[in-house]
């Protein structure tokens, strides 16, 4: 276990549930990255993830990661969708497999291609079972996923257990960027009750009500992305993070 993974697990043990912010390099102007990353850290996020479904420029990714690193003291974790999502400047990366993809490239092919690069740059890699829920997200389209319907928690549980038995350290249930609704609480609850590893939930989480139901259902990590820039007030993210911690404390 590397230092970033230990840091995440220690934070989960301490707080019950933590928040991670996701910055998509393709959706943010480089001139805004410094101030955005500072405000995210100030709001109380545990770490910043960098990545998206359509990252095409390695140099742009490098510049954004370096800018974030120069402006915050929390870890920067890559969330790659392809070989272009790897940067030597980050603290760690999710070494993920899209388990419900119909294309072996996203299950193990890209991982085999990326492995020598990961070894060469010496970045900490954290094994992650990535599972897409619901239809219509960019991640589902790009990853050629057989998305799991919102009302099929038993199927999500099967995939999540497979991730655990394959040796993944985390499971991520992803409803997709800009999803109209997050993963249903009953799915989160069923998956969590059957897992012995931390459960990450992201996509469509836009309100404190969303946060409350998902944390109460048992999530260990909440990921939000576009809400960071679309928030109606400067304190909105901080209020969401406070909600995560208070609900987790009362579980």
C-alpha atoms as a PDB file:
ATOM      1  CA  UNK A   1       0.000   0.000   0.000  1.00  0.00           C
ATOM      2  CA  UNK A   2       1.346   3.401  -1.022  1.00  0.00           C
ATOM      3  CA  UNK A   3       1.146   6.644   0.971  1.00  0.00           C
ATOM      4  CA  UNK A   4      -1.823   8.111  -0.913  1.00  0.00           C
ATOM      5  CA  UNK A   5      -3.933   4.978  -0.502  1.00  0.00           C
ATOM      6  CA  UNK A   6      -3.034   4.861   3.197  1.00  0.00           C
ATOM      7  CA  UNK A   7      -3.985   8.532   3.498  1.00  0.00           C
ATOM      8  CA  UNK A   8      -7.404   7.848   1.927  1.00  0.00           C
ATOM      9  CA  UNK A   9      -8.076   4.826   4.128  1.00  0.00           C
ATOM     10  CA  UNK A  10      -7.005   6.701   7.258  1.00  0.00           C
ATOM     11  CA  UNK A  11      -9.369   9.552   6.361  1.00  0.00           C
ATOM     12  CA  UNK A  12     -12.256   7.119   5.795  1.00  0.00           C
ATOM     13  CA  UNK A  13     -11.534   5.482   9.149  1.00  0.00           C
ATOM     14  CA  UNK A  14     -11.399   8.880  10.836  1.00  0.00           C
ATOM     15  CA  UNK A  15     -14.422  10.549   9.209  1.00  0.00           C
ATOM     16  CA  UNK A  16     -16.597   7.631   8.117  1.00  0.00           C
ATOM     17  CA  UNK A  17     -17.041   9.039   4.618  1.00  0.00           C
ATOM     18  CA  UNK A  18     -14.837  11.416   2.642  1.00  0.00           C
ATOM     19  CA  UNK A  19     -15.230  13.698  -0.367  1.00  0.00           C
ATOM     20  CA  UNK A  20     -13.071  13.694  -3.493  1.00  0.00           C
ATOM     21  CA  UNK A  21     -13.259  16.424  -6.137  1.00  0.00           C
ATOM     22  CA  UNK A  22     -12.960  15.614  -9.838  1.00  0.00           C
ATOM     23  CA  UNK A  23     -11.494  18.096 -12.310  1.00  0.00           C
ATOM     24  CA  UNK A  24     -11.887  17.320 -16.018  1.00  0.00           C
ATOM     25  CA  UNK A  25      -8.927  18.798 -17.964  1.00  0.00           C
ATOM     26  CA  UNK A  26     -11.089  19.103 -21.074  1.00  0.00           C
ATOM     27  CA  UNK A  27     -13.739  21.197 -19.345  1.00  0.00           C
ATOM     28  CA  UNK A  28     -11.736  23.805 -17.478  1.00  0.00           C
ATOM     29  CA  UNK A  29      -9.665  26.706 -18.751  1.00  0.00           C
ATOM     30  CA  UNK A  30      -6.033  26.397 -17.565  1.00  0.00           C
ATOM     31  CA  UNK A  31      -6.226  29.972 -16.247  1.00  0.00           C
ATOM     32  CA  UNK A  32      -8.915  28.917 -13.749  1.00  0.00           C
ATOM     33  CA  UNK A  33      -7.195  25.839 -12.370  1.00  0.00           C
ATOM     34  CA  UNK A  34      -5.107  27.528  -9.670  1.00  0.00           C
ATOM     35  CA  UNK A  35      -7.982  29.411  -8.029  1.00  0.00           C
ATOM     36  CA  UNK A  36     -10.361  26.481  -8.422  1.00  0.00           C
ATOM     37  CA  UNK A  37      -7.996  24.016  -6.774  1.00  0.00           C
ATOM     38  CA  UNK A  38      -7.371  26.420  -3.885  1.00  0.00           C
ATOM     39  CA  UNK A  39     -11.101  26.849  -3.287  1.00  0.00           C
ATOM     40  CA  UNK A  40     -11.657  23.097  -3.422  1.00  0.00           C
ATOM     41  CA  UNK A  41      -8.990  22.470  -0.815  1.00  0.00           C
ATOM     42  CA  UNK A  42     -10.370  25.260   1.382  1.00  0.00           C
ATOM     43  CA  UNK A  43     -13.837  23.685   1.193  1.00  0.00           C
ATOM     44  CA  UNK A  44     -12.417  20.555   2.831  1.00  0.00           C
ATOM     45  CA  UNK A  45     -12.103  17.948   0.083  1.00  0.00           C
ATOM     46  CA  UNK A  46      -9.768  15.074   0.917  1.00  0.00           C
ATOM     47  CA  UNK A  47      -8.031  14.886  -2.479  1.00  0.00           C
ATOM     48  CA  UNK A  48      -8.396  16.085  -6.061  1.00  0.00           C
ATOM     49  CA  UNK A  49      -8.932  13.644  -8.907  1.00  0.00           C
ATOM     50  CA  UNK A  50      -7.949  14.722 -12.431  1.00  0.00           C
ATOM     51  CA  UNK A  51      -9.361  13.034 -15.498  1.00  0.00           C
ATOM     52  CA  UNK A  52     -12.321  12.636 -17.800  1.00  0.00           C
ATOM     53  CA  UNK A  53     -13.799  10.509 -20.540  1.00  0.00           C
ATOM     54  CA  UNK A  54     -12.226  12.414 -23.453  1.00  0.00           C
ATOM     55  CA  UNK A  55      -8.756  13.550 -22.350  1.00  0.00           C
ATOM     56  CA  UNK A  56      -6.735  13.893 -25.556  1.00  0.00           C
ATOM     57  CA  UNK A  57      -3.764  16.111 -24.673  1.00  0.00           C
ATOM     58  CA  UNK A  58      -0.991  14.787 -22.442  1.00  0.00           C
ATOM     59  CA  UNK A  59       0.725  18.189 -22.316  1.00  0.00           C
ATOM     60  CA  UNK A  60      -2.498  19.885 -21.217  1.00  0.00           C
ATOM     61  CA  UNK A  61      -2.995  17.227 -18.529  1.00  0.00           C
ATOM     62  CA  UNK A  62       0.593  17.703 -17.322  1.00  0.00           C
ATOM     63  CA  UNK A  63       0.145  21.477 -17.109  1.00  0.00           C
ATOM     64  CA  UNK A  64      -3.090  21.182 -15.149  1.00  0.00           C
ATOM     65  CA  UNK A  65      -1.681  18.594 -12.731  1.00  0.00           C
ATOM     66  CA  UNK A  66       1.419  20.707 -12.113  1.00  0.00           C
ATOM     67  CA  UNK A  67      -0.697  23.809 -11.521  1.00  0.00           C
ATOM     68  CA  UNK A  68      -2.874  21.990  -9.005  1.00  0.00           C
ATOM     69  CA  UNK A  69       0.189  20.556  -7.246  1.00  0.00           C
ATOM     70  CA  UNK A  70       1.688  24.028  -6.953  1.00  0.00           C
ATOM     71  CA  UNK A  71      -1.428  25.402  -5.278  1.00  0.00           C
ATOM     72  CA  UNK A  72      -2.639  22.720  -2.845  1.00  0.00           C
ATOM     73  CA  UNK A  73      -1.252  20.438  -0.152  1.00  0.00           C
ATOM     74  CA  UNK A  74      -3.684  17.568  -0.648  1.00  0.00           C
ATOM     75  CA  UNK A  75      -2.978  14.620  -2.992  1.00  0.00           C
ATOM     76  CA  UNK A  76      -3.667  14.788  -6.719  1.00  0.00           C
ATOM     77  CA  UNK A  77      -4.925  11.462  -8.074  1.00  0.00           C
ATOM     78  CA  UNK A  78      -5.241  10.666 -11.773  1.00  0.00           C
ATOM     79  CA  UNK A  79      -8.532   9.225 -13.012  1.00  0.00           C
ATOM     80  CA  UNK A  80      -7.501   8.042 -16.502  1.00  0.00           C
ATOM     81  CA  UNK A  81      -9.799   6.852 -19.270  1.00  0.00           C
ATOM     82  CA  UNK A  82      -6.988   6.152 -21.742  1.00  0.00           C
ATOM     83  CA  UNK A  83      -3.208   6.293 -22.127  1.00  0.00           C
ATOM     84  CA  UNK A  84      -3.437  10.077 -22.474  1.00  0.00           C
ATOM     85  CA  UNK A  85      -4.711  10.262 -18.891  1.00  0.00           C
ATOM     86  CA  UNK A  86      -1.353   9.370 -17.303  1.00  0.00           C
ATOM     87  CA  UNK A  87       0.954  12.080 -15.941  1.00  0.00           C
ATOM     88  CA  UNK A  88       4.174  11.693 -13.977  1.00  0.00           C
ATOM     89  CA  UNK A  89       3.409  14.849 -12.003  1.00  0.00           C
ATOM     90  CA  UNK A  90       0.502  13.434  -9.963  1.00  0.00           C
ATOM     91  CA  UNK A  91       0.816  11.810  -6.539  1.00  0.00           C
ATOM     92  CA  UNK A  92      -1.065   8.646  -7.510  1.00  0.00           C
ATOM     93  CA  UNK A  93      -3.450   7.177 -10.047  1.00  0.00           C
ATOM     94  CA  UNK A  94      -6.480   4.963  -9.992  1.00  0.00           C
ATOM     95  CA  UNK A  95      -5.402   1.860 -11.927  1.00  0.00           C
ATOM     96  CA  UNK A  96      -8.919   1.098 -12.998  1.00  0.00           C
ATOM     97  CA  UNK A  97     -10.759  -1.558 -14.943  1.00  0.00           C
ATOM     98  CA  UNK A  98     -14.177  -0.782 -16.427  1.00  0.00           C
ATOM     99  CA  UNK A  99     -15.645  -4.104 -15.422  1.00  0.00           C
ATOM    100  CA  UNK A 100     -18.956  -3.836 -17.278  1.00  0.00           C
ATOM    101  CA  UNK A 101     -17.489  -2.752 -20.599  1.00  0.00           C
ATOM    102  CA  UNK A 102     -18.316  -4.877 -23.634  1.00  0.00           C
ATOM    103  CA  UNK A 103     -14.835  -4.164 -25.009  1.00  0.00           C
ATOM    104  CA  UNK A 104     -11.869  -6.042 -23.466  1.00  0.00           C
ATOM    105  CA  UNK A 105      -9.714  -2.997 -24.218  1.00  0.00           C
ATOM    106  CA  UNK A 106     -11.307  -1.139 -21.287  1.00  0.00           C
ATOM    107  CA  UNK A 107     -11.233  -4.161 -18.984  1.00  0.00           C
ATOM    108  CA  UNK A 108      -7.610  -5.245 -19.354  1.00  0.00           C
ATOM    109  CA  UNK A 109      -6.187  -4.109 -22.707  1.00  0.00           C
ATOM    110  CA  UNK A 110      -5.445  -0.502 -21.913  1.00  0.00           C
ATOM    111  CA  UNK A 111      -4.130  -1.553 -18.506  1.00  0.00           C
ATOM    112  CA  UNK A 112      -1.554  -3.816 -20.168  1.00  0.00           C
ATOM    113  CA  UNK A 113      -0.468  -0.971 -22.459  1.00  0.00           C
ATOM    114  CA  UNK A 114      -0.238   1.480 -19.564  1.00  0.00           C
ATOM    115  CA  UNK A 115       1.570  -0.825 -17.122  1.00  0.00           C
ATOM    116  CA  UNK A 116       5.141  -0.287 -18.461  1.00  0.00           C
ATOM    117  CA  UNK A 117       4.595   3.484 -18.408  1.00  0.00           C
ATOM    118  CA  UNK A 118       3.283   3.353 -14.845  1.00  0.00           C
ATOM    119  CA  UNK A 119       6.318   1.327 -13.767  1.00  0.00           C
ATOM    120  CA  UNK A 120       8.726   3.670 -15.556  1.00  0.00           C
ATOM    121  CA  UNK A 121       7.426   6.886 -14.000  1.00  0.00           C
ATOM    122  CA  UNK A 122       7.074   5.206 -10.595  1.00  0.00           C
ATOM    123  CA  UNK A 123       3.652   6.628  -9.778  1.00  0.00           C
ATOM    124  CA  UNK A 124       1.612   5.032  -7.006  1.00  0.00           C
ATOM    125  CA  UNK A 125      -1.215   2.976  -8.518  1.00  0.00           C
ATOM    126  CA  UNK A 126      -4.412   2.107  -6.648  1.00  0.00           C
ATOM    127  CA  UNK A 127      -6.445  -0.815  -8.110  1.00  0.00           C
ATOM    128  CA  UNK A 128     -10.054   0.219  -8.749  1.00  0.00           C
ATOM    129  CA  UNK A 129     -13.089  -1.682  -9.994  1.00  0.00           C
ATOM    130  CA  UNK A 130     -15.056   0.853 -12.049  1.00  0.00           C
ATOM    131  CA  UNK A 131     -18.734   0.123 -12.710  1.00  0.00           C
ATOM    132  CA  UNK A 132     -21.053   2.375 -14.725  1.00  0.00           C
ATOM    133  CA  UNK A 133     -24.672   2.709 -13.655  1.00  0.00           C
ATOM    134  CA  UNK A 134     -27.494   4.048 -15.842  1.00  0.00           C
ATOM    135  CA  UNK A 135     -27.514   5.067 -19.501  1.00  0.00           C
ATOM    136  CA  UNK A 136     -26.509   8.104 -21.479  1.00  0.00           C
ATOM    137  CA  UNK A 137     -23.247   9.188 -19.832  1.00  0.00           C
ATOM    138  CA  UNK A 138     -20.122  10.015 -21.801  1.00  0.00           C
ATOM    139  CA  UNK A 139     -18.202   7.450 -19.751  1.00  0.00           C
ATOM    140  CA  UNK A 140     -20.648   4.724 -20.762  1.00  0.00           C
ATOM    141  CA  UNK A 141     -20.468   5.684 -24.436  1.00  0.00           C
ATOM    142  CA  UNK A 142     -16.673   5.979 -24.607  1.00  0.00           C
ATOM    143  CA  UNK A 143     -16.119   2.873 -22.481  1.00  0.00           C
ATOM    144  CA  UNK A 144     -18.663   0.827 -24.456  1.00  0.00           C
ATOM    145  CA  UNK A 145     -20.271  -0.222 -21.207  1.00  0.00           C
ATOM    146  CA  UNK A 146     -23.268  -2.456 -20.679  1.00  0.00           C
ATOM    147  CA  UNK A 147     -24.580   0.026 -18.118  1.00  0.00           C
ATOM    148  CA  UNK A 148     -26.311  -1.479 -15.107  1.00  0.00           C
ATOM    149  CA  UNK A 149     -29.890  -0.166 -14.701  1.00  0.00           C
ATOM    150  CA  UNK A 150     -30.561   1.918 -11.601  1.00  0.00           C
ATOM    151  CA  UNK A 151     -33.126  -0.632 -10.405  1.00  0.00           C
ATOM    152  CA  UNK A 152     -30.805  -3.645 -10.588  1.00  0.00           C
ATOM    153  CA  UNK A 153     -28.791  -3.461  -7.344  1.00  0.00           C
ATOM    154  CA  UNK A 154     -28.177  -7.205  -7.369  1.00  0.00           C
ATOM    155  CA  UNK A 155     -26.283  -6.902 -10.667  1.00  0.00           C
ATOM    156  CA  UNK A 156     -24.144  -4.060  -9.309  1.00  0.00           C
ATOM    157  CA  UNK A 157     -23.426  -6.221  -6.274  1.00  0.00           C
ATOM    158  CA  UNK A 158     -22.232  -9.093  -8.471  1.00  0.00           C
ATOM    159  CA  UNK A 159     -19.809  -6.833 -10.327  1.00  0.00           C
ATOM    160  CA  UNK A 160     -18.626  -5.215  -7.089  1.00  0.00           C
ATOM    161  CA  UNK A 161     -17.885  -8.552  -5.465  1.00  0.00           C
ATOM    162  CA  UNK A 162     -16.047  -9.620  -8.614  1.00  0.00           C
ATOM    163  CA  UNK A 163     -13.886  -6.506  -8.254  1.00  0.00           C
ATOM    164  CA  UNK A 164     -13.077  -7.437  -4.666  1.00  0.00           C
ATOM    165  CA  UNK A 165     -12.245 -11.039  -5.504  1.00  0.00           C
ATOM    166  CA  UNK A 166     -10.071  -9.903  -8.409  1.00  0.00           C
ATOM    167  CA  UNK A 167      -7.993  -7.971  -5.894  1.00  0.00           C
ATOM    168  CA  UNK A 168      -9.236  -4.422  -6.444  1.00  0.00           C
ATOM    169  CA  UNK A 169      -8.765  -2.133  -3.432  1.00  0.00           C
ATOM    170  CA  UNK A 170     -11.801   0.101  -4.110  1.00  0.00           C
ATOM    171  CA  UNK A 171     -15.114  -0.152  -6.004  1.00  0.00           C
ATOM    172  CA  UNK A 172     -16.531   2.878  -7.813  1.00  0.00           C
ATOM    173  CA  UNK A 173     -20.224   3.042  -8.765  1.00  0.00           C
ATOM    174  CA  UNK A 174     -20.446   5.792 -11.394  1.00  0.00           C
ATOM    175  CA  UNK A 175     -23.687   7.309 -12.665  1.00  0.00           C
ATOM    176  CA  UNK A 176     -21.733   9.498 -15.085  1.00  0.00           C
ATOM    177  CA  UNK A 177     -20.803  13.134 -15.411  1.00  0.00           C
ATOM    178  CA  UNK A 178     -23.851  15.423 -15.584  1.00  0.00           C
ATOM    179  CA  UNK A 179     -26.164  12.529 -14.847  1.00  0.00           C
ATOM    180  CA  UNK A 180     -29.701  13.620 -13.979  1.00  0.00           C
ATOM    181  CA  UNK A 181     -29.771  11.347 -10.958  1.00  0.00           C
ATOM    182  CA  UNK A 182     -27.212   9.656  -8.730  1.00  0.00           C
ATOM    183  CA  UNK A 183     -26.937   5.958  -7.951  1.00  0.00           C
ATOM    184  CA  UNK A 184     -30.003   4.851  -5.975  1.00  0.00           C
ATOM    185  CA  UNK A 185     -29.501   4.444  -2.205  1.00  0.00           C
ATOM    186  CA  UNK A 186     -30.800   0.853  -2.231  1.00  0.00           C
ATOM    187  CA  UNK A 187     -28.057  -0.075  -4.720  1.00  0.00           C
ATOM    188  CA  UNK A 188     -25.410   1.619  -2.578  1.00  0.00           C
ATOM    189  CA  UNK A 189     -26.732  -0.177   0.501  1.00  0.00           C
ATOM    190  CA  UNK A 190     -26.797  -3.642  -1.074  1.00  0.00           C
ATOM    191  CA  UNK A 191     -23.324  -3.279  -2.570  1.00  0.00           C
ATOM    192  CA  UNK A 192     -21.837  -1.939   0.654  1.00  0.00           C
ATOM    193  CA  UNK A 193     -23.340  -4.726   2.782  1.00  0.00           C
ATOM    194  CA  UNK A 194     -21.605  -7.308   0.598  1.00  0.00           C
ATOM    195  CA  UNK A 195     -18.202  -5.612   0.255  1.00  0.00           C
ATOM    196  CA  UNK A 196     -15.141  -5.693   2.479  1.00  0.00           C
ATOM    197  CA  UNK A 197     -13.403  -2.872   0.572  1.00  0.00           C
ATOM    198  CA  UNK A 198     -14.279   0.845   0.378  1.00  0.00           C
ATOM    199  CA  UNK A 199     -17.145   1.937  -1.863  1.00  0.00           C
ATOM    200  CA  UNK A 200     -16.918   5.113  -3.957  1.00  0.00           C
ATOM    201  CA  UNK A 201     -20.079   6.675  -5.413  1.00  0.00           C
ATOM    202  CA  UNK A 202     -20.159   9.465  -7.997  1.00  0.00           C
ATOM    203  CA  UNK A 203     -22.218  11.050 -10.747  1.00  0.00           C
ATOM    204  CA  UNK A 204     -25.359  13.145 -10.435  1.00  0.00           C
ATOM    205  CA  UNK A 205     -24.686  14.164  -6.831  1.00  0.00           C
ATOM    206  CA  UNK A 206     -25.704  17.818  -6.790  1.00  0.00           C
ATOM    207  CA  UNK A 207     -27.530  18.488  -3.512  1.00  0.00           C
ATOM    208  CA  UNK A 208     -27.166  17.894   0.201  1.00  0.00           C
ATOM    209  CA  UNK A 209     -30.241  15.679  -0.039  1.00  0.00           C
ATOM    210  CA  UNK A 210     -28.374  13.474  -2.555  1.00  0.00           C
ATOM    211  CA  UNK A 211     -25.381  13.388  -0.237  1.00  0.00           C
ATOM    212  CA  UNK A 212     -27.452  12.509   2.808  1.00  0.00           C
ATOM    213  CA  UNK A 213     -29.186   9.505   1.251  1.00  0.00           C
ATOM    214  CA  UNK A 214     -26.019   8.093  -0.315  1.00  0.00           C
ATOM    215  CA  UNK A 215     -23.915   8.462   2.837  1.00  0.00           C
ATOM    216  CA  UNK A 216     -26.705   6.979   4.957  1.00  0.00           C
ATOM    217  CA  UNK A 217     -26.774   4.042   2.532  1.00  0.00           C
ATOM    218  CA  UNK A 218     -23.135   3.309   3.348  1.00  0.00           C
ATOM    219  CA  UNK A 219     -20.836   5.017   0.842  1.00  0.00           C
ATOM    220  CA  UNK A 220     -17.246   5.476   2.010  1.00  0.00           C
ATOM    221  CA  UNK A 221     -16.317   8.091  -0.598  1.00  0.00           C
ATOM    222  CA  UNK A 222     -18.406  10.670  -2.458  1.00  0.00           C
ATOM    223  CA  UNK A 223     -17.101  12.149  -5.725  1.00  0.00           C
ATOM    224  CA  UNK A 224     -18.437  15.370  -7.227  1.00  0.00           C
ATOM    225  CA  UNK A 225     -17.215  17.074 -10.368  1.00  0.00           C
ATOM    226  CA  UNK A 226     -19.231  19.655 -12.294  1.00  0.00           C
ATOM    227  CA  UNK A 227     -20.961  20.884  -9.133  1.00  0.00           C
ATOM    228  CA  UNK A 228     -17.682  22.593  -8.236  1.00  0.00           C
ATOM    229  CA  UNK A 229     -18.030  25.162 -11.007  1.00  0.00           C
ATOM    230  CA  UNK A 230     -21.835  25.257 -11.122  1.00  0.00           C
ATOM    231  CA  UNK A 231     -22.384  25.777  -7.398  1.00  0.00           C
ATOM    232  CA  UNK A 232     -24.908  28.529  -6.615  1.00  0.00           C
ATOM    233  CA  UNK A 233     -22.769  29.935  -3.798  1.00  0.00           C
ATOM    234  CA  UNK A 234     -19.129  30.091  -2.724  1.00  0.00           C
ATOM    235  CA  UNK A 235     -19.841  27.904   0.321  1.00  0.00           C
ATOM    236  CA  UNK A 236     -21.904  25.286  -1.488  1.00  0.00           C
ATOM    237  CA  UNK A 237     -19.143  22.669  -1.735  1.00  0.00           C
ATOM    238  CA  UNK A 238     -18.061  23.259   1.859  1.00  0.00           C
ATOM    239  CA  UNK A 239     -21.673  22.784   2.991  1.00  0.00           C
ATOM    240  CA  UNK A 240     -21.885  19.505   1.046  1.00  0.00           C
ATOM    241  CA  UNK A 241     -18.657  18.249   2.589  1.00  0.00           C
ATOM    242  CA  UNK A 242     -19.852  19.218   6.071  1.00  0.00           C
ATOM    243  CA  UNK A 243     -23.050  17.301   5.341  1.00  0.00           C
ATOM    244  CA  UNK A 244     -21.043  14.217   4.310  1.00  0.00           C
ATOM    245  CA  UNK A 245     -19.068  14.271   7.548  1.00  0.00           C
ATOM    246  CA  UNK A 246     -22.025  14.948   9.838  1.00  0.00           C
ATOM    247  CA  UNK A 247     -24.182  12.197   8.302  1.00  0.00           C
ATOM    248  CA  UNK A 248     -21.271   9.737   8.365  1.00  0.00           C
ATOM    249  CA  UNK A 249     -20.650  10.514  12.022  1.00  0.00           C
ATOM    250  CA  UNK A 250     -24.244   9.677  12.901  1.00  0.00           C
ATOM    251  CA  UNK A 251     -24.374   6.351  11.004  1.00  0.00           C
END
